[in-house]
Amino acid sequence: MTQNRRGQWHVIAASGSAGIAERPTTAGALERKKIGRPTDYTPEIAREIADRMIDGNSLRAVCQQDDMPDEGTVYRWIARHPEFREVYASAGFVERNEYQRG
């Protein structure tokens, strides 16, 4: 592998590999790239979602508000963040109990 003047890396085929040309690549391509955009998850937004659910809103209603993430995003956060999963479960428990009392 060699680097040219513009900083591009070139992979050179091993000797004896007829018909395989040198191909340019970037230095970043050599490292594993993360796919997708960074998460917007924060403990503060998790707490806000839980608070709104405790106030009597369903997750669907919370997620339809302009300042809240999409419902699918929240479900991914529940799967990926154990601390959010606990907060969400607690908020859901309170929401269900309030509904049953009302």
N, C-alpha and C. Protein backbone atom coordinates (compact mmCIF):
# COMPACT_ATOMS: atom_id res chain seq x y z
N MET A 1 0.86 -1.15 0.00
CA MET A 1 0.00 0.00 0.00
C MET A 1 0.91 1.22 0.00
N THR A 2 0.57 2.16 -0.84
CA THR A 2 1.36 3.39 -0.93
C THR A 2 0.42 4.58 -0.87
N GLN A 3 0.99 5.75 -0.53
CA GLN A 3 0.20 6.97 -0.45
C GLN A 3 0.74 7.96 -1.47
N ASN A 4 -0.17 8.60 -2.22
CA ASN A 4 0.28 9.57 -3.22
C ASN A 4 0.36 10.97 -2.61
N ARG A 5 0.69 11.98 -3.43
CA ARG A 5 0.85 13.35 -2.94
C ARG A 5 -0.44 13.95 -2.40
N ARG A 6 -1.57 13.52 -2.86
CA ARG A 6 -2.85 14.06 -2.40
C ARG A 6 -3.36 13.35 -1.15
N GLY A 7 -2.62 12.44 -0.62
CA GLY A 7 -3.02 11.73 0.60
C GLY A 7 -3.89 10.52 0.36
N GLN A 8 -4.10 10.15 -0.90
CA GLN A 8 -4.90 8.96 -1.19
C GLN A 8 -4.02 7.72 -1.06
N TRP A 9 -4.61 6.68 -0.54
CA TRP A 9 -3.90 5.42 -0.41
C TRP A 9 -4.21 4.56 -1.62
N HIS A 10 -3.23 3.80 -2.07
CA HIS A 10 -3.40 2.88 -3.19
C HIS A 10 -3.03 1.48 -2.74
N VAL A 11 -3.92 0.55 -3.04
CA VAL A 11 -3.64 -0.86 -2.76
C VAL A 11 -2.99 -1.44 -3.99
N ILE A 12 -1.85 -2.04 -3.82
CA ILE A 12 -1.12 -2.60 -4.94
C ILE A 12 -1.26 -4.11 -4.90
N ALA A 13 -1.64 -4.67 -6.02
CA ALA A 13 -1.81 -6.12 -6.10
C ALA A 13 -0.47 -6.82 -5.89
N ALA A 14 -0.54 -7.99 -5.29
CA ALA A 14 0.67 -8.78 -5.08
C ALA A 14 1.26 -9.20 -6.41
N SER A 15 2.56 -9.41 -6.42
CA SER A 15 3.20 -9.81 -7.67
C SER A 15 2.63 -11.14 -8.14
N GLY A 16 2.50 -11.25 -9.44
CA GLY A 16 1.95 -12.47 -10.00
C GLY A 16 0.44 -12.40 -10.16
N SER A 17 -0.17 -11.29 -9.78
CA SER A 17 -1.62 -11.14 -9.94
C SER A 17 -1.88 -10.38 -11.23
N ALA A 18 -1.87 -11.08 -12.30
CA ALA A 18 -2.05 -10.45 -13.60
C ALA A 18 -3.46 -9.92 -13.74
N GLY A 19 -3.58 -8.75 -14.36
CA GLY A 19 -4.89 -8.18 -14.64
C GLY A 19 -5.51 -7.42 -13.49
N ILE A 20 -4.88 -7.36 -12.31
CA ILE A 20 -5.42 -6.62 -11.18
C ILE A 20 -4.69 -5.30 -11.09
N ALA A 21 -5.43 -4.22 -11.20
CA ALA A 21 -4.83 -2.90 -11.19
C ALA A 21 -4.83 -2.31 -9.80
N GLU A 22 -4.01 -1.30 -9.65
CA GLU A 22 -3.93 -0.55 -8.41
C GLU A 22 -5.22 0.26 -8.28
N ARG A 23 -5.84 0.28 -7.10
CA ARG A 23 -7.06 1.04 -6.93
C ARG A 23 -6.90 2.05 -5.79
N PRO A 24 -7.34 3.30 -6.03
CA PRO A 24 -7.22 4.31 -4.96
C PRO A 24 -8.26 4.09 -3.89
N THR A 25 -7.92 4.46 -2.69
CA THR A 25 -8.83 4.39 -1.57
C THR A 25 -8.46 5.50 -0.60
N THR A 26 -9.31 5.82 0.32
CA THR A 26 -8.99 6.84 1.31
C THR A 26 -8.49 6.18 2.57
N ALA A 27 -7.77 6.95 3.37
CA ALA A 27 -7.25 6.40 4.63
C ALA A 27 -8.40 5.96 5.52
N GLY A 28 -9.53 6.69 5.48
CA GLY A 28 -10.69 6.35 6.30
C GLY A 28 -11.30 5.02 5.92
N ALA A 29 -11.16 4.62 4.67
CA ALA A 29 -11.73 3.35 4.22
C ALA A 29 -10.97 2.17 4.80
N LEU A 30 -9.75 2.42 5.25
CA LEU A 30 -8.96 1.36 5.83
C LEU A 30 -9.43 1.00 7.23
N GLU A 31 -10.06 1.96 7.90
CA GLU A 31 -10.60 1.72 9.22
C GLU A 31 -12.08 1.43 9.08
N ARG A 32 -12.63 0.71 10.01
CA ARG A 32 -14.05 0.39 9.95
C ARG A 32 -14.86 1.64 10.27
N LYS A 33 -15.76 1.99 9.35
CA LYS A 33 -16.59 3.16 9.53
C LYS A 33 -17.89 2.78 10.23
N LYS A 34 -18.38 3.68 11.09
CA LYS A 34 -19.68 3.48 11.69
C LYS A 34 -20.72 3.93 10.69
N ILE A 35 -21.77 3.15 10.56
CA ILE A 35 -22.82 3.45 9.60
C ILE A 35 -23.95 4.16 10.33
N GLY A 36 -24.54 5.15 9.68
CA GLY A 36 -25.67 5.87 10.24
C GLY A 36 -25.24 7.12 10.98
N ARG A 37 -26.24 7.87 11.38
CA ARG A 37 -25.92 9.11 12.07
C ARG A 37 -25.78 8.84 13.57
N PRO A 38 -25.10 9.73 14.27
CA PRO A 38 -24.94 9.55 15.72
C PRO A 38 -26.29 9.60 16.43
N THR A 39 -26.37 8.93 17.54
CA THR A 39 -27.62 8.90 18.30
C THR A 39 -27.89 10.25 18.96
N ASP A 40 -29.16 10.57 19.11
CA ASP A 40 -29.56 11.78 19.81
C ASP A 40 -29.90 11.47 21.27
N TYR A 41 -29.66 10.24 21.69
CA TYR A 41 -30.03 9.82 23.04
C TYR A 41 -29.22 10.56 24.09
N THR A 42 -29.92 11.06 25.09
CA THR A 42 -29.29 11.62 26.29
C THR A 42 -30.15 11.21 27.49
N PRO A 43 -29.57 11.14 28.66
CA PRO A 43 -30.39 10.83 29.84
C PRO A 43 -31.49 11.87 30.07
N GLU A 44 -31.22 13.11 29.67
CA GLU A 44 -32.22 14.17 29.86
C GLU A 44 -33.46 13.93 28.99
N ILE A 45 -33.25 13.56 27.73
CA ILE A 45 -34.40 13.30 26.86
C ILE A 45 -35.14 12.05 27.32
N ALA A 46 -34.41 11.07 27.83
CA ALA A 46 -35.05 9.87 28.36
C ALA A 46 -35.95 10.23 29.55
N ARG A 47 -35.45 11.09 30.42
CA ARG A 47 -36.23 11.52 31.59
C ARG A 47 -37.46 12.32 31.15
N GLU A 48 -37.30 13.16 30.14
CA GLU A 48 -38.42 13.96 29.64
C GLU A 48 -39.52 13.07 29.06
N ILE A 49 -39.13 12.05 28.32
CA ILE A 49 -40.12 11.11 27.77
C ILE A 49 -40.86 10.43 28.92
N ALA A 50 -40.12 9.96 29.92
CA ALA A 50 -40.74 9.29 31.06
C ALA A 50 -41.68 10.25 31.82
N ASP A 51 -41.24 11.49 32.02
CA ASP A 51 -42.08 12.46 32.73
C ASP A 51 -43.39 12.70 31.99
N ARG A 52 -43.32 12.81 30.68
CA ARG A 52 -44.53 13.05 29.90
C ARG A 52 -45.47 11.84 29.95
N MET A 53 -44.88 10.64 30.01
CA MET A 53 -45.71 9.45 30.14
C MET A 53 -46.35 9.40 31.53
N ILE A 54 -45.61 9.77 32.55
CA ILE A 54 -46.14 9.79 33.91
C ILE A 54 -47.29 10.80 34.02
N ASP A 55 -47.19 11.89 33.24
CA ASP A 55 -48.24 12.90 33.22
C ASP A 55 -49.49 12.43 32.50
N GLY A 56 -49.46 11.21 31.96
CA GLY A 56 -50.67 10.65 31.36
C GLY A 56 -50.64 10.49 29.85
N ASN A 57 -49.52 10.86 29.21
CA ASN A 57 -49.42 10.72 27.75
C ASN A 57 -48.91 9.33 27.39
N SER A 58 -49.44 8.78 26.31
CA SER A 58 -48.91 7.50 25.81
C SER A 58 -47.58 7.78 25.09
N LEU A 59 -46.81 6.75 24.87
CA LEU A 59 -45.56 6.93 24.14
C LEU A 59 -45.85 7.47 22.75
N ARG A 60 -46.89 6.98 22.12
CA ARG A 60 -47.24 7.46 20.78
C ARG A 60 -47.53 8.97 20.81
N ALA A 61 -48.29 9.42 21.80
CA ALA A 61 -48.62 10.85 21.92
C ALA A 61 -47.36 11.68 22.18
N VAL A 62 -46.48 11.16 23.02
CA VAL A 62 -45.23 11.88 23.32
C VAL A 62 -44.40 12.02 22.04
N CYS A 63 -44.30 10.95 21.27
CA CYS A 63 -43.46 10.95 20.07
C CYS A 63 -44.06 11.76 18.93
N GLN A 64 -45.31 12.08 18.99
CA GLN A 64 -45.92 12.91 17.95
C GLN A 64 -45.64 14.40 18.17
N GLN A 65 -45.10 14.74 19.33
CA GLN A 65 -44.76 16.14 19.61
C GLN A 65 -43.48 16.51 18.87
N ASP A 66 -43.42 17.75 18.39
CA ASP A 66 -42.30 18.19 17.55
C ASP A 66 -40.93 18.09 18.20
N ASP A 67 -40.86 18.25 19.50
CA ASP A 67 -39.56 18.25 20.18
C ASP A 67 -39.12 16.87 20.66
N MET A 68 -39.85 15.84 20.26
CA MET A 68 -39.56 14.48 20.70
C MET A 68 -39.14 13.60 19.52
N PRO A 69 -38.35 12.55 19.80
CA PRO A 69 -37.92 11.64 18.73
C PRO A 69 -39.06 10.77 18.24
N ASP A 70 -38.85 10.13 17.11
CA ASP A 70 -39.80 9.20 16.52
C ASP A 70 -39.99 8.00 17.44
N GLU A 71 -41.16 7.40 17.39
CA GLU A 71 -41.47 6.25 18.24
C GLU A 71 -40.50 5.09 17.99
N GLY A 72 -40.15 4.85 16.73
CA GLY A 72 -39.20 3.78 16.42
C GLY A 72 -37.83 4.04 17.05
N THR A 73 -37.43 5.29 17.08
CA THR A 73 -36.16 5.67 17.71
C THR A 73 -36.20 5.35 19.20
N VAL A 74 -37.31 5.66 19.84
CA VAL A 74 -37.44 5.39 21.27
C VAL A 74 -37.36 3.89 21.54
N TYR A 75 -37.99 3.09 20.70
CA TYR A 75 -37.91 1.63 20.88
C TYR A 75 -36.48 1.12 20.70
N ARG A 76 -35.72 1.71 19.78
CA ARG A 76 -34.31 1.34 19.64
C ARG A 76 -33.52 1.73 20.88
N TRP A 77 -33.81 2.91 21.44
CA TRP A 77 -33.13 3.32 22.67
C TRP A 77 -33.46 2.37 23.82
N ILE A 78 -34.70 1.93 23.89
CA ILE A 78 -35.09 0.98 24.93
C ILE A 78 -34.25 -0.30 24.81
N ALA A 79 -34.03 -0.76 23.60
CA ALA A 79 -33.24 -1.97 23.37
C ALA A 79 -31.76 -1.75 23.67
N ARG A 80 -31.24 -0.56 23.40
CA ARG A 80 -29.79 -0.32 23.49
C ARG A 80 -29.31 0.26 24.82
N HIS A 81 -30.20 0.88 25.57
CA HIS A 81 -29.79 1.59 26.79
C HIS A 81 -30.54 1.03 28.00
N PRO A 82 -29.88 0.17 28.78
CA PRO A 82 -30.55 -0.45 29.92
C PRO A 82 -31.13 0.56 30.91
N GLU A 83 -30.44 1.68 31.12
CA GLU A 83 -30.95 2.68 32.06
C GLU A 83 -32.25 3.31 31.55
N PHE A 84 -32.35 3.48 30.23
CA PHE A 84 -33.59 4.02 29.65
C PHE A 84 -34.70 2.98 29.73
N ARG A 85 -34.35 1.73 29.53
CA ARG A 85 -35.33 0.65 29.61
C ARG A 85 -35.98 0.65 31.00
N GLU A 86 -35.18 0.85 32.05
CA GLU A 86 -35.71 0.88 33.42
C GLU A 86 -36.63 2.09 33.64
N VAL A 87 -36.20 3.26 33.16
CA VAL A 87 -37.00 4.47 33.31
C VAL A 87 -38.31 4.33 32.55
N TYR A 88 -38.23 3.81 31.33
CA TYR A 88 -39.42 3.62 30.49
C TYR A 88 -40.39 2.64 31.16
N ALA A 89 -39.86 1.54 31.69
CA ALA A 89 -40.72 0.55 32.35
C ALA A 89 -41.41 1.16 33.57
N SER A 90 -40.69 1.94 34.33
CA SER A 90 -41.27 2.61 35.51
C SER A 90 -42.36 3.58 35.09
N ALA A 91 -42.10 4.36 34.04
CA ALA A 91 -43.09 5.33 33.56
C ALA A 91 -44.33 4.62 33.05
N GLY A 92 -44.14 3.51 32.35
CA GLY A 92 -45.27 2.74 31.85
C GLY A 92 -46.09 2.16 32.97
N PHE A 93 -45.41 1.73 34.04
CA PHE A 93 -46.11 1.18 35.19
C PHE A 93 -46.97 2.25 35.85
N VAL A 94 -46.40 3.44 36.03
CA VAL A 94 -47.15 4.54 36.63
C VAL A 94 -48.31 4.92 35.73
N GLU A 95 -48.07 5.00 34.43
CA GLU A 95 -49.12 5.36 33.47
C GLU A 95 -50.28 4.36 33.55
N ARG A 96 -49.98 3.07 33.58
CA ARG A 96 -51.03 2.05 33.65
C ARG A 96 -51.83 2.16 34.96
N ASN A 97 -51.13 2.40 36.07
CA ASN A 97 -51.81 2.50 37.35
C ASN A 97 -52.70 3.75 37.42
N GLU A 98 -52.26 4.85 36.86
CA GLU A 98 -53.07 6.06 36.82
C GLU A 98 -54.32 5.82 35.98
N TYR A 99 -54.16 5.12 34.86
CA TYR A 99 -55.28 4.84 33.98
C TYR A 99 -56.32 3.97 34.68
N GLN A 100 -55.85 2.99 35.46
CA GLN A 100 -56.76 2.08 36.14
C GLN A 100 -57.52 2.80 37.26
N ARG A 101 -56.87 3.77 37.91
CA ARG A 101 -57.52 4.51 39.00
C ARG A 101 -58.57 5.48 38.46
N GLY A 102 -58.30 6.04 37.27
CA GLY A 102 -59.17 7.07 36.70
C GLY A 102 -60.44 6.52 36.24
